[in-house]
PDB file of N, CA and C in Angstrom:
ATOM      1  N   UNK A   1     -25.907   3.820 -12.599  1.00  0.00           N
ATOM      2  CA  UNK A   1     -24.611   3.742 -11.979  1.00  0.00           C
ATOM      3  C   UNK A   1     -24.293   2.282 -11.688  1.00  0.00           C
ATOM      4  N   UNK A   2     -23.051   1.932 -11.921  1.00  0.00           N
ATOM      5  CA  UNK A   2     -22.605   0.568 -11.637  1.00  0.00           C
ATOM      6  C   UNK A   2     -22.467   0.385 -10.131  1.00  0.00           C
ATOM      7  N   UNK A   3     -22.749  -0.793  -9.681  1.00  0.00           N
ATOM      8  CA  UNK A   3     -22.652  -1.099  -8.253  1.00  0.00           C
ATOM      9  C   UNK A   3     -21.809  -2.345  -8.082  1.00  0.00           C
ATOM     10  N   UNK A   4     -21.102  -2.395  -6.990  1.00  0.00           N
ATOM     11  CA  UNK A   4     -20.303  -3.562  -6.641  1.00  0.00           C
ATOM     12  C   UNK A   4     -20.961  -4.276  -5.469  1.00  0.00           C
ATOM     13  N   UNK A   5     -20.734  -5.572  -5.358  1.00  0.00           N
ATOM     14  CA  UNK A   5     -21.228  -6.280  -4.179  1.00  0.00           C
ATOM     15  C   UNK A   5     -20.602  -5.701  -2.905  1.00  0.00           C
ATOM     16  N   UNK A   6     -21.365  -5.685  -1.849  1.00  0.00           N
ATOM     17  CA  UNK A   6     -20.916  -5.130  -0.566  1.00  0.00           C
ATOM     18  C   UNK A   6     -19.591  -5.751  -0.114  1.00  0.00           C
ATOM     19  N   UNK A   7     -19.427  -7.035  -0.342  1.00  0.00           N
ATOM     20  CA  UNK A   7     -18.203  -7.733   0.068  1.00  0.00           C
ATOM     21  C   UNK A   7     -16.963  -7.136  -0.611  1.00  0.00           C
ATOM     22  N   UNK A   8     -17.071  -6.813  -1.877  1.00  0.00           N
ATOM     23  CA  UNK A   8     -15.933  -6.243  -2.598  1.00  0.00           C
ATOM     24  C   UNK A   8     -15.633  -4.832  -2.095  1.00  0.00           C
ATOM     25  N   UNK A   9     -16.667  -4.045  -1.881  1.00  0.00           N
ATOM     26  CA  UNK A   9     -16.468  -2.689  -1.355  1.00  0.00           C
ATOM     27  C   UNK A   9     -15.800  -2.751   0.013  1.00  0.00           C
ATOM     28  N   UNK A  10     -16.278  -3.627   0.862  1.00  0.00           N
ATOM     29  CA  UNK A  10     -15.708  -3.785   2.197  1.00  0.00           C
ATOM     30  C   UNK A  10     -14.244  -4.200   2.108  1.00  0.00           C
ATOM     31  N   UNK A  11     -13.935  -5.126   1.213  1.00  0.00           N
ATOM     32  CA  UNK A  11     -12.557  -5.588   1.037  1.00  0.00           C
ATOM     33  C   UNK A  11     -11.655  -4.448   0.586  1.00  0.00           C
ATOM     34  N   UNK A  12     -12.097  -3.701  -0.413  1.00  0.00           N
ATOM     35  CA  UNK A  12     -11.286  -2.604  -0.945  1.00  0.00           C
ATOM     36  C   UNK A  12     -11.061  -1.532   0.118  1.00  0.00           C
ATOM     37  N   UNK A  13     -12.101  -1.147   0.820  1.00  0.00           N
ATOM     38  CA  UNK A  13     -11.951  -0.114   1.844  1.00  0.00           C
ATOM     39  C   UNK A  13     -11.066  -0.592   2.995  1.00  0.00           C
ATOM     40  N   UNK A  14     -11.167  -1.856   3.343  1.00  0.00           N
ATOM     41  CA  UNK A  14     -10.294  -2.410   4.384  1.00  0.00           C
ATOM     42  C   UNK A  14      -8.833  -2.409   3.904  1.00  0.00           C
ATOM     43  N   UNK A  15      -8.625  -2.755   2.646  1.00  0.00           N
ATOM     44  CA  UNK A  15      -7.267  -2.730   2.100  1.00  0.00           C
ATOM     45  C   UNK A  15      -6.719  -1.302   2.067  1.00  0.00           C
ATOM     46  N   UNK A  16      -7.555  -0.352   1.697  1.00  0.00           N
ATOM     47  CA  UNK A  16      -7.097   1.040   1.701  1.00  0.00           C
ATOM     48  C   UNK A  16      -6.673   1.466   3.105  1.00  0.00           C
ATOM     49  N   UNK A  17      -7.434   1.068   4.080  1.00  0.00           N
ATOM     50  CA  UNK A  17      -7.070   1.415   5.467  1.00  0.00           C
ATOM     51  C   UNK A  17      -5.750   0.761   5.855  1.00  0.00           C
ATOM     52  N   UNK A  18      -5.577  -0.510   5.498  1.00  0.00           N
ATOM     53  CA  UNK A  18      -4.327  -1.203   5.790  1.00  0.00           C
ATOM     54  C   UNK A  18      -3.147  -0.557   5.064  1.00  0.00           C
ATOM     55  N   UNK A  19      -3.375  -0.129   3.834  1.00  0.00           N
ATOM     56  CA  UNK A  19      -2.317   0.536   3.078  1.00  0.00           C
ATOM     57  C   UNK A  19      -1.926   1.854   3.749  1.00  0.00           C
ATOM     58  N   UNK A  20      -2.906   2.609   4.226  1.00  0.00           N
ATOM     59  CA  UNK A  20      -2.603   3.846   4.956  1.00  0.00           C
ATOM     60  C   UNK A  20      -1.813   3.558   6.231  1.00  0.00           C
ATOM     61  N   UNK A  21      -2.218   2.536   6.945  1.00  0.00           N
ATOM     62  CA  UNK A  21      -1.505   2.160   8.163  1.00  0.00           C
ATOM     63  C   UNK A  21      -0.075   1.733   7.848  1.00  0.00           C
ATOM     64  N   UNK A  22       0.094   1.008   6.737  1.00  0.00           N
ATOM     65  CA  UNK A  22       1.435   0.570   6.343  1.00  0.00           C
ATOM     66  C   UNK A  22       2.297   1.765   5.942  1.00  0.00           C
ATOM     67  N   UNK A  23       1.697   2.744   5.250  1.00  0.00           N
ATOM     68  CA  UNK A  23       2.438   3.966   4.929  1.00  0.00           C
ATOM     69  C   UNK A  23       2.915   4.650   6.201  1.00  0.00           C
ATOM     70  N   UNK A  24       2.077   4.670   7.204  1.00  0.00           N
ATOM     71  CA  UNK A  24       2.457   5.257   8.483  1.00  0.00           C
ATOM     72  C   UNK A  24       3.623   4.493   9.109  1.00  0.00           C
ATOM     73  N   UNK A  25       3.566   3.176   9.092  1.00  0.00           N
ATOM     74  CA  UNK A  25       4.644   2.364   9.664  1.00  0.00           C
ATOM     75  C   UNK A  25       5.956   2.566   8.915  1.00  0.00           C
ATOM     76  N   UNK A  26       5.877   2.639   7.596  1.00  0.00           N
ATOM     77  CA  UNK A  26       7.076   2.859   6.791  1.00  0.00           C
ATOM     78  C   UNK A  26       7.693   4.220   7.103  1.00  0.00           C
ATOM     79  N   UNK A  27       6.844   5.238   7.192  1.00  0.00           N
ATOM     80  CA  UNK A  27       7.331   6.583   7.496  1.00  0.00           C
ATOM     81  C   UNK A  27       7.894   6.653   8.902  1.00  0.00           C
ATOM     82  N   UNK A  28       7.251   6.004   9.845  1.00  0.00           N
ATOM     83  CA  UNK A  28       7.740   5.979  11.226  1.00  0.00           C
ATOM     84  C   UNK A  28       9.098   5.281  11.299  1.00  0.00           C
ATOM     85  N   UNK A  29       9.258   4.226  10.539  1.00  0.00           N
ATOM     86  CA  UNK A  29      10.539   3.519  10.521  1.00  0.00           C
ATOM     87  C   UNK A  29      11.637   4.414   9.949  1.00  0.00           C
ATOM     88  N   UNK A  30      11.328   5.121   8.867  1.00  0.00           N
ATOM     89  CA  UNK A  30      12.284   6.089   8.313  1.00  0.00           C
ATOM     90  C   UNK A  30      12.685   7.119   9.369  1.00  0.00           C
ATOM     91  N   UNK A  31      11.686   7.634  10.051  1.00  0.00           N
ATOM     92  CA  UNK A  31      11.926   8.656  11.065  1.00  0.00           C
ATOM     93  C   UNK A  31      12.832   8.128  12.180  1.00  0.00           C
ATOM     94  N   UNK A  32      12.545   6.925  12.658  1.00  0.00           N
ATOM     95  CA  UNK A  32      13.358   6.350  13.738  1.00  0.00           C
ATOM     96  C   UNK A  32      14.808   6.147  13.306  1.00  0.00           C
ATOM     97  N   UNK A  33      14.998   5.662  12.107  1.00  0.00           N
ATOM     98  CA  UNK A  33      16.364   5.463  11.610  1.00  0.00           C
ATOM     99  C   UNK A  33      17.073   6.815  11.502  1.00  0.00           C
ATOM    100  N   UNK A  34      16.376   7.797  10.954  1.00  0.00           N
ATOM    101  CA  UNK A  34      16.957   9.137  10.814  1.00  0.00           C
ATOM    102  C   UNK A  34      17.334   9.709  12.176  1.00  0.00           C
ATOM    103  N   UNK A  35      16.442   9.564  13.147  1.00  0.00           N
ATOM    104  CA  UNK A  35      16.696  10.114  14.482  1.00  0.00           C
ATOM    105  C   UNK A  35      17.847   9.421  15.205  1.00  0.00           C
ATOM    106  N   UNK A  36      17.914   8.099  15.082  1.00  0.00           N
ATOM    107  CA  UNK A  36      18.914   7.332  15.825  1.00  0.00           C
ATOM    108  C   UNK A  36      20.259   7.210  15.114  1.00  0.00           C
ATOM    109  N   UNK A  37      20.245   7.165  13.782  1.00  0.00           N
ATOM    110  CA  UNK A  37      21.465   6.849  13.048  1.00  0.00           C
ATOM    111  C   UNK A  37      21.842   7.887  11.996  1.00  0.00           C
ATOM    112  N   UNK A  38      20.878   8.711  11.599  1.00  0.00           N
ATOM    113  CA  UNK A  38      21.137   9.699  10.569  1.00  0.00           C
ATOM    114  C   UNK A  38      21.221   9.070   9.187  1.00  0.00           C
ATOM    115  N   UNK A  39      21.539   9.913   8.224  1.00  0.00           N
ATOM    116  CA  UNK A  39      21.683   9.420   6.854  1.00  0.00           C
ATOM    117  C   UNK A  39      23.174   9.200   6.598  1.00  0.00           C
ATOM    118  N   UNK A  40      23.551   7.936   6.588  1.00  0.00           N
ATOM    119  CA  UNK A  40      24.953   7.552   6.410  1.00  0.00           C
ATOM    120  C   UNK A  40      25.048   6.529   5.287  1.00  0.00           C
ATOM    121  N   UNK A  41      26.276   6.157   4.966  1.00  0.00           N
ATOM    122  CA  UNK A  41      26.469   5.109   3.959  1.00  0.00           C
ATOM    123  C   UNK A  41      25.797   3.807   4.384  1.00  0.00           C
ATOM    124  N   UNK A  42      25.722   3.559   5.670  1.00  0.00           N
ATOM    125  CA  UNK A  42      25.118   2.328   6.188  1.00  0.00           C
ATOM    126  C   UNK A  42      23.587   2.367   6.146  1.00  0.00           C
ATOM    127  N   UNK A  43      23.021   3.558   6.204  1.00  0.00           N
ATOM    128  CA  UNK A  43      21.554   3.649   6.257  1.00  0.00           C
ATOM    129  C   UNK A  43      20.916   3.981   4.913  1.00  0.00           C
ATOM    130  N   UNK A  44      21.680   4.486   3.971  1.00  0.00           N
ATOM    131  CA  UNK A  44      21.098   4.976   2.715  1.00  0.00           C
ATOM    132  C   UNK A  44      20.317   3.900   1.965  1.00  0.00           C
ATOM    133  N   UNK A  45      20.825   2.676   1.936  1.00  0.00           N
ATOM    134  CA  UNK A  45      20.101   1.597   1.252  1.00  0.00           C
ATOM    135  C   UNK A  45      18.766   1.306   1.935  1.00  0.00           C
ATOM    136  N   UNK A  46      18.739   1.408   3.244  1.00  0.00           N
ATOM    137  CA  UNK A  46      17.495   1.171   3.976  1.00  0.00           C
ATOM    138  C   UNK A  46      16.454   2.249   3.664  1.00  0.00           C
ATOM    139  N   UNK A  47      16.926   3.488   3.564  1.00  0.00           N
ATOM    140  CA  UNK A  47      16.008   4.566   3.186  1.00  0.00           C
ATOM    141  C   UNK A  47      15.442   4.320   1.784  1.00  0.00           C
ATOM    142  N   UNK A  48      16.278   3.804   0.896  1.00  0.00           N
ATOM    143  CA  UNK A  48      15.824   3.485  -0.459  1.00  0.00           C
ATOM    144  C   UNK A  48      14.775   2.388  -0.432  1.00  0.00           C
ATOM    145  N   UNK A  49      15.019   1.328   0.345  1.00  0.00           N
ATOM    146  CA  UNK A  49      14.044   0.232   0.463  1.00  0.00           C
ATOM    147  C   UNK A  49      12.717   0.755   0.999  1.00  0.00           C
ATOM    148  N   UNK A  50      12.795   1.596   2.028  1.00  0.00           N
ATOM    149  CA  UNK A  50      11.579   2.142   2.633  1.00  0.00           C
ATOM    150  C   UNK A  50      10.841   3.052   1.660  1.00  0.00           C
ATOM    151  N   UNK A  51      11.570   3.884   0.941  1.00  0.00           N
ATOM    152  CA  UNK A  51      10.933   4.775  -0.034  1.00  0.00           C
ATOM    153  C   UNK A  51      10.243   3.981  -1.139  1.00  0.00           C
ATOM    154  N   UNK A  52      10.907   2.937  -1.635  1.00  0.00           N
ATOM    155  CA  UNK A  52      10.295   2.094  -2.667  1.00  0.00           C
ATOM    156  C   UNK A  52       9.031   1.413  -2.155  1.00  0.00           C
ATOM    157  N   UNK A  53       9.079   0.952  -0.915  1.00  0.00           N
ATOM    158  CA  UNK A  53       7.899   0.316  -0.321  1.00  0.00           C
ATOM    159  C   UNK A  53       6.765   1.326  -0.159  1.00  0.00           C
ATOM    160  N   UNK A  54       7.093   2.553   0.220  1.00  0.00           N
ATOM    161  CA  UNK A  54       6.073   3.594   0.346  1.00  0.00           C
ATOM    162  C   UNK A  54       5.431   3.895  -1.007  1.00  0.00           C
ATOM    163  N   UNK A  55       6.242   3.960  -2.040  1.00  0.00           N
ATOM    164  CA  UNK A  55       5.707   4.245  -3.373  1.00  0.00           C
ATOM    165  C   UNK A  55       4.783   3.133  -3.862  1.00  0.00           C
ATOM    166  N   UNK A  56       5.178   1.883  -3.641  1.00  0.00           N
ATOM    167  CA  UNK A  56       4.309   0.759  -4.042  1.00  0.00           C
ATOM    168  C   UNK A  56       3.005   0.787  -3.257  1.00  0.00           C
ATOM    169  N   UNK A  57       3.094   1.034  -1.984  1.00  0.00           N
ATOM    170  CA  UNK A  57       1.910   1.083  -1.134  1.00  0.00           C
ATOM    171  C   UNK A  57       0.981   2.212  -1.564  1.00  0.00           C
ATOM    172  N   UNK A  58       1.541   3.373  -1.809  1.00  0.00           N
ATOM    173  CA  UNK A  58       0.739   4.512  -2.234  1.00  0.00           C
ATOM    174  C   UNK A  58       0.097   4.276  -3.601  1.00  0.00           C
ATOM    175  N   UNK A  59       0.802   3.584  -4.473  1.00  0.00           N
ATOM    176  CA  UNK A  59       0.262   3.276  -5.798  1.00  0.00           C
ATOM    177  C   UNK A  59      -1.034   2.488  -5.688  1.00  0.00           C
ATOM    178  N   UNK A  60      -1.064   1.493  -4.821  1.00  0.00           N
ATOM    179  CA  UNK A  60      -2.276   0.681  -4.687  1.00  0.00           C
ATOM    180  C   UNK A  60      -3.389   1.444  -3.985  1.00  0.00           C
ATOM    181  N   UNK A  61      -3.042   2.272  -3.013  1.00  0.00           N
ATOM    182  CA  UNK A  61      -4.068   3.094  -2.381  1.00  0.00           C
ATOM    183  C   UNK A  61      -4.736   3.977  -3.438  1.00  0.00           C
ATOM    184  N   UNK A  62      -3.935   4.644  -4.236  1.00  0.00           N
ATOM    185  CA  UNK A  62      -4.451   5.526  -5.281  1.00  0.00           C
ATOM    186  C   UNK A  62      -5.216   4.758  -6.348  1.00  0.00           C
ATOM    187  N   UNK A  63      -4.701   3.605  -6.712  1.00  0.00           N
ATOM    188  CA  UNK A  63      -5.365   2.798  -7.737  1.00  0.00           C
ATOM    189  C   UNK A  63      -6.773   2.415  -7.308  1.00  0.00           C
ATOM    190  N   UNK A  64      -6.933   2.047  -6.033  1.00  0.00           N
ATOM    191  CA  UNK A  64      -8.274   1.705  -5.545  1.00  0.00           C
ATOM    192  C   UNK A  64      -9.206   2.907  -5.651  1.00  0.00           C
ATOM    193  N   UNK A  65      -8.737   4.053  -5.248  1.00  0.00           N
ATOM    194  CA  UNK A  65      -9.557   5.261  -5.302  1.00  0.00           C
ATOM    195  C   UNK A  65     -10.018   5.518  -6.737  1.00  0.00           C
ATOM    196  N   UNK A  66      -9.078   5.502  -7.660  1.00  0.00           N
ATOM    197  CA  UNK A  66      -9.394   5.790  -9.064  1.00  0.00           C
ATOM    198  C   UNK A  66     -10.311   4.721  -9.656  1.00  0.00           C
ATOM    199  N   UNK A  67     -10.009   3.471  -9.386  1.00  0.00           N
ATOM    200  CA  UNK A  67     -10.799   2.381  -9.957  1.00  0.00           C
ATOM    201  C   UNK A  67     -12.231   2.392  -9.419  1.00  0.00           C
ATOM    202  N   UNK A  68     -12.390   2.594  -8.123  1.00  0.00           N
ATOM    203  CA  UNK A  68     -13.743   2.663  -7.565  1.00  0.00           C
ATOM    204  C   UNK A  68     -14.525   3.820  -8.171  1.00  0.00           C
ATOM    205  N   UNK A  69     -13.891   4.961  -8.326  1.00  0.00           N
ATOM    206  CA  UNK A  69     -14.576   6.112  -8.946  1.00  0.00           C
ATOM    207  C   UNK A  69     -15.011   5.770 -10.366  1.00  0.00           C
ATOM    208  N   UNK A  70     -14.138   5.118 -11.119  1.00  0.00           N
ATOM    209  CA  UNK A  70     -14.491   4.740 -12.498  1.00  0.00           C
ATOM    210  C   UNK A  70     -15.681   3.790 -12.515  1.00  0.00           C
ATOM    211  N   UNK A  71     -15.650   2.823 -11.624  1.00  0.00           N
ATOM    212  CA  UNK A  71     -16.734   1.844 -11.583  1.00  0.00           C
ATOM    213  C   UNK A  71     -18.054   2.524 -11.238  1.00  0.00           C
ATOM    214  N   UNK A  72     -18.051   3.373 -10.232  1.00  0.00           N
ATOM    215  CA  UNK A  72     -19.292   3.995  -9.787  1.00  0.00           C
ATOM    216  C   UNK A  72     -19.773   5.105 -10.707  1.00  0.00           C
ATOM    217  N   UNK A  73     -18.918   5.583 -11.588  1.00  0.00           N
ATOM    218  CA  UNK A  73     -19.340   6.563 -12.583  1.00  0.00           C
ATOM    219  C   UNK A  73     -19.773   5.900 -13.885  1.00  0.00           C
ATOM    220  N   UNK A  74     -19.580   4.604 -14.008  1.00  0.00           N
ATOM    221  CA  UNK A  74     -19.898   3.879 -15.240  1.00  0.00           C
ATOM    222  C   UNK A  74     -21.404   3.716 -15.405  1.00  0.00           C
ATOM    223  N   UNK A  75     -21.830   3.759 -16.657  1.00  0.00           N
ATOM    224  CA  UNK A  75     -23.242   3.551 -16.984  1.00  0.00           C
ATOM    225  C   UNK A  75     -23.360   2.627 -18.172  1.00  0.00           C
ATOM    226  N   UNK A  76     -24.184   1.706 -18.236  1.00  0.00           N
ATOM    227  CA  UNK A  76     -25.032   1.225 -17.147  1.00  0.00           C
ATOM    228  C   UNK A  76     -24.290   0.269 -16.221  1.00  0.00           C
ATOM    229  N   UNK A  77     -23.102  -0.177 -16.666  1.00  0.00           N
ATOM    230  CA  UNK A  77     -22.315  -1.088 -15.845  1.00  0.00           C
ATOM    231  C   UNK A  77     -20.835  -0.819 -16.109  1.00  0.00           C
ATOM    232  N   UNK A  78     -20.007  -1.227 -15.171  1.00  0.00           N
ATOM    233  CA  UNK A  78     -18.566  -1.065 -15.330  1.00  0.00           C
ATOM    234  C   UNK A  78     -18.062  -2.020 -16.400  1.00  0.00           C
ATOM    235  N   UNK A  79     -17.001  -1.602 -17.069  1.00  0.00           N
ATOM    236  CA  UNK A  79     -16.424  -2.463 -18.102  1.00  0.00           C
ATOM    237  C   UNK A  79     -15.758  -3.680 -17.465  1.00  0.00           C
ATOM    238  N   UNK A  80     -15.690  -4.705 -18.224  1.00  0.00           N
ATOM    239  CA  UNK A  80     -15.054  -5.945 -17.764  1.00  0.00           C
ATOM    240  C   UNK A  80     -13.588  -5.685 -17.408  1.00  0.00           C
ATOM    241  N   UNK A  81     -12.908  -4.863 -18.210  1.00  0.00           N
ATOM    242  CA  UNK A  81     -11.508  -4.547 -17.944  1.00  0.00           C
ATOM    243  C   UNK A  81     -11.321  -3.854 -16.604  1.00  0.00           C
ATOM    244  N   UNK A  82     -12.212  -2.931 -16.290  1.00  0.00           N
ATOM    245  CA  UNK A  82     -12.121  -2.216 -15.021  1.00  0.00           C
ATOM    246  C   UNK A  82     -12.357  -3.154 -13.848  1.00  0.00           C
ATOM    247  N   UNK A  83     -13.327  -4.037 -13.985  1.00  0.00           N
ATOM    248  CA  UNK A  83     -13.597  -5.009 -12.919  1.00  0.00           C
ATOM    249  C   UNK A  83     -12.432  -5.974 -12.749  1.00  0.00           C
ATOM    250  N   UNK A  84     -11.829  -6.369 -13.852  1.00  0.00           N
ATOM    251  CA  UNK A  84     -10.653  -7.245 -13.778  1.00  0.00           C
ATOM    252  C   UNK A  84      -9.479  -6.526 -13.124  1.00  0.00           C
ATOM    253  N   UNK A  85      -9.318  -5.242 -13.450  1.00  0.00           N
ATOM    254  CA  UNK A  85      -8.262  -4.452 -12.818  1.00  0.00           C
ATOM    255  C   UNK A  85      -8.477  -4.388 -11.308  1.00  0.00           C
ATOM    256  N   UNK A  86      -9.716  -4.213 -10.885  1.00  0.00           N
ATOM    257  CA  UNK A  86     -10.011  -4.162  -9.453  1.00  0.00           C
ATOM    258  C   UNK A  86      -9.661  -5.490  -8.786  1.00  0.00           C
ATOM    259  N   UNK A  87     -10.055  -6.587  -9.387  1.00  0.00           N
ATOM    260  CA  UNK A  87      -9.757  -7.913  -8.826  1.00  0.00           C
ATOM    261  C   UNK A  87      -8.251  -8.141  -8.743  1.00  0.00           C
ATOM    262  N   UNK A  88      -7.561  -7.791  -9.806  1.00  0.00           N
ATOM    263  CA  UNK A  88      -6.101  -7.944  -9.832  1.00  0.00           C
ATOM    264  C   UNK A  88      -5.452  -7.043  -8.776  1.00  0.00           C
ATOM    265  N   UNK A  89      -5.952  -5.843  -8.642  1.00  0.00           N
ATOM    266  CA  UNK A  89      -5.402  -4.903  -7.659  1.00  0.00           C
ATOM    267  C   UNK A  89      -5.601  -5.387  -6.238  1.00  0.00           C
ATOM    268  N   UNK A  90      -6.723  -6.022  -5.969  1.00  0.00           N
ATOM    269  CA  UNK A  90      -6.959  -6.584  -4.631  1.00  0.00           C
ATOM    270  C   UNK A  90      -5.900  -7.625  -4.317  1.00  0.00           C
ATOM    271  N   UNK A  91      -5.674  -8.549  -5.247  1.00  0.00           N
ATOM    272  CA  UNK A  91      -4.663  -9.590  -5.039  1.00  0.00           C
ATOM    273  C   UNK A  91      -3.273  -8.990  -4.857  1.00  0.00           C
ATOM    274  N   UNK A  92      -2.927  -8.038  -5.699  1.00  0.00           N
ATOM    275  CA  UNK A  92      -1.607  -7.428  -5.633  1.00  0.00           C
ATOM    276  C   UNK A  92      -1.427  -6.599  -4.362  1.00  0.00           C
ATOM    277  N   UNK A  93      -2.459  -5.901  -3.938  1.00  0.00           N
ATOM    278  CA  UNK A  93      -2.371  -5.098  -2.721  1.00  0.00           C
ATOM    279  C   UNK A  93      -2.152  -5.985  -1.501  1.00  0.00           C
ATOM    280  N   UNK A  94      -2.827  -7.126  -1.468  1.00  0.00           N
ATOM    281  CA  UNK A  94      -2.611  -8.064  -0.361  1.00  0.00           C
ATOM    282  C   UNK A  94      -1.163  -8.538  -0.334  1.00  0.00           C
ATOM    283  N   UNK A  95      -0.590  -8.785  -1.502  1.00  0.00           N
ATOM    284  CA  UNK A  95       0.809  -9.204  -1.581  1.00  0.00           C
ATOM    285  C   UNK A  95       1.747  -8.068  -1.152  1.00  0.00           C
ATOM    286  N   UNK A  96       1.436  -6.838  -1.569  1.00  0.00           N
ATOM    287  CA  UNK A  96       2.248  -5.679  -1.193  1.00  0.00           C
ATOM    288  C   UNK A  96       2.215  -5.473   0.317  1.00  0.00           C
ATOM    289  N   UNK A  97       1.045  -5.636   0.911  1.00  0.00           N
ATOM    290  CA  UNK A  97       0.944  -5.488   2.361  1.00  0.00           C
ATOM    291  C   UNK A  97       1.817  -6.503   3.085  1.00  0.00           C
ATOM    292  N   UNK A  98       1.807  -7.734   2.625  1.00  0.00           N
ATOM    293  CA  UNK A  98       2.640  -8.765   3.241  1.00  0.00           C
ATOM    294  C   UNK A  98       4.124  -8.457   3.040  1.00  0.00           C
ATOM    295  N   UNK A  99       4.484  -8.036   1.845  1.00  0.00           N
ATOM    296  CA  UNK A  99       5.890  -7.746   1.547  1.00  0.00           C
ATOM    297  C   UNK A  99       6.393  -6.545   2.346  1.00  0.00           C
ATOM    298  N   UNK A 100       5.581  -5.501   2.437  1.00  0.00           N
ATOM    299  CA  UNK A 100       6.028  -4.324   3.185  1.00  0.00           C
ATOM    300  C   UNK A 100       6.095  -4.599   4.681  1.00  0.00           C
ATOM    301  N   UNK A 101       5.217  -5.451   5.168  1.00  0.00           N
ATOM    302  CA  UNK A 101       5.296  -5.838   6.581  1.00  0.00           C
ATOM    303  C   UNK A 101       6.618  -6.544   6.853  1.00  0.00           C
ATOM    304  N   UNK A 102       6.998  -7.441   5.955  1.00  0.00           N
ATOM    305  CA  UNK A 102       8.270  -8.155   6.099  1.00  0.00           C
ATOM    306  C   UNK A 102       9.447  -7.182   6.014  1.00  0.00           C
ATOM    307  N   UNK A 103       9.374  -6.220   5.119  1.00  0.00           N
ATOM    308  CA  UNK A 103      10.437  -5.227   4.978  1.00  0.00           C
ATOM    309  C   UNK A 103      10.604  -4.423   6.261  1.00  0.00           C
ATOM    310  N   UNK A 104       9.492  -3.959   6.794  1.00  0.00           N
ATOM    311  CA  UNK A 104       9.544  -3.180   8.034  1.00  0.00           C
ATOM    312  C   UNK A 104      10.131  -4.014   9.161  1.00  0.00           C
ATOM    313  N   UNK A 105       9.643  -5.223   9.299  1.00  0.00           N
ATOM    314  CA  UNK A 105      10.109  -6.106  10.374  1.00  0.00           C
ATOM    315  C   UNK A 105      11.619  -6.340  10.252  1.00  0.00           C
ATOM    316  N   UNK A 106      12.085  -6.614   9.045  1.00  0.00           N
ATOM    317  CA  UNK A 106      13.507  -6.889   8.823  1.00  0.00           C
ATOM    318  C   UNK A 106      14.367  -5.649   9.108  1.00  0.00           C
ATOM    319  N   UNK A 107      13.940  -4.505   8.623  1.00  0.00           N
ATOM    320  CA  UNK A 107      14.718  -3.284   8.838  1.00  0.00           C
ATOM    321  C   UNK A 107      14.737  -2.916  10.308  1.00  0.00           C
ATOM    322  N   UNK A 108      13.612  -3.015  10.962  1.00  0.00           N
ATOM    323  CA  UNK A 108      13.581  -2.700  12.400  1.00  0.00           C
ATOM    324  C   UNK A 108      14.454  -3.671  13.194  1.00  0.00           C
ATOM    325  N   UNK A 109      14.470  -4.924  12.772  1.00  0.00           N
ATOM    326  CA  UNK A 109      15.329  -5.905  13.439  1.00  0.00           C
ATOM    327  C   UNK A 109      16.804  -5.550  13.216  1.00  0.00           C
ATOM    328  N   UNK A 110      17.158  -5.189  11.976  1.00  0.00           N
ATOM    329  CA  UNK A 110      18.542  -4.850  11.662  1.00  0.00           C
ATOM    330  C   UNK A 110      19.045  -3.669  12.504  1.00  0.00           C
ATOM    331  N   UNK A 111      18.165  -2.722  12.795  1.00  0.00           N
ATOM    332  CA  UNK A 111      18.543  -1.542  13.561  1.00  0.00           C
ATOM    333  C   UNK A 111      18.146  -1.655  15.038  1.00  0.00           C
ATOM    334  N   UNK A 112      17.593  -2.793  15.416  1.00  0.00           N
ATOM    335  CA  UNK A 112      17.138  -3.027  16.796  1.00  0.00           C
ATOM    336  C   UNK A 112      16.166  -1.939  17.256  1.00  0.00           C
ATOM    337  N   UNK A 113      15.206  -1.651  16.370  1.00  0.00           N
ATOM    338  CA  UNK A 113      14.166  -0.669  16.667  1.00  0.00           C
ATOM    339  C   UNK A 113      12.912  -1.389  17.159  1.00  0.00           C
ATOM    340  N   UNK A 114      12.113  -0.691  17.963  1.00  0.00           N
ATOM    341  CA  UNK A 114      10.860  -1.318  18.426  1.00  0.00           C
ATOM    342  C   UNK A 114       9.856  -1.519  17.311  1.00  0.00           C
TER     343      UNK A 114
END
């Protein structure tokens, strides 16, 4: 079975946790907007932004799960392509986390939400 260095496993699992937390924040923001303002012409674009951010976030969470499974099921070692995909996914997930945080902050500011 292929093995990854502990540092990489720790990084990926920490990113997965952050992605789950970000999904929660995105969903909570949707809920607050729906509760306070409803679905109107003024809010529909915000719901679209939030939904797109949720989909991107979920994509990376799922990608980590699938990629780690592939690596750990590989014999005798993971392919170079799979390892490169994992490295690229780590970088991209960090960028997605930063972007979605900014999106949430901006939308909450626009609606004066906590």
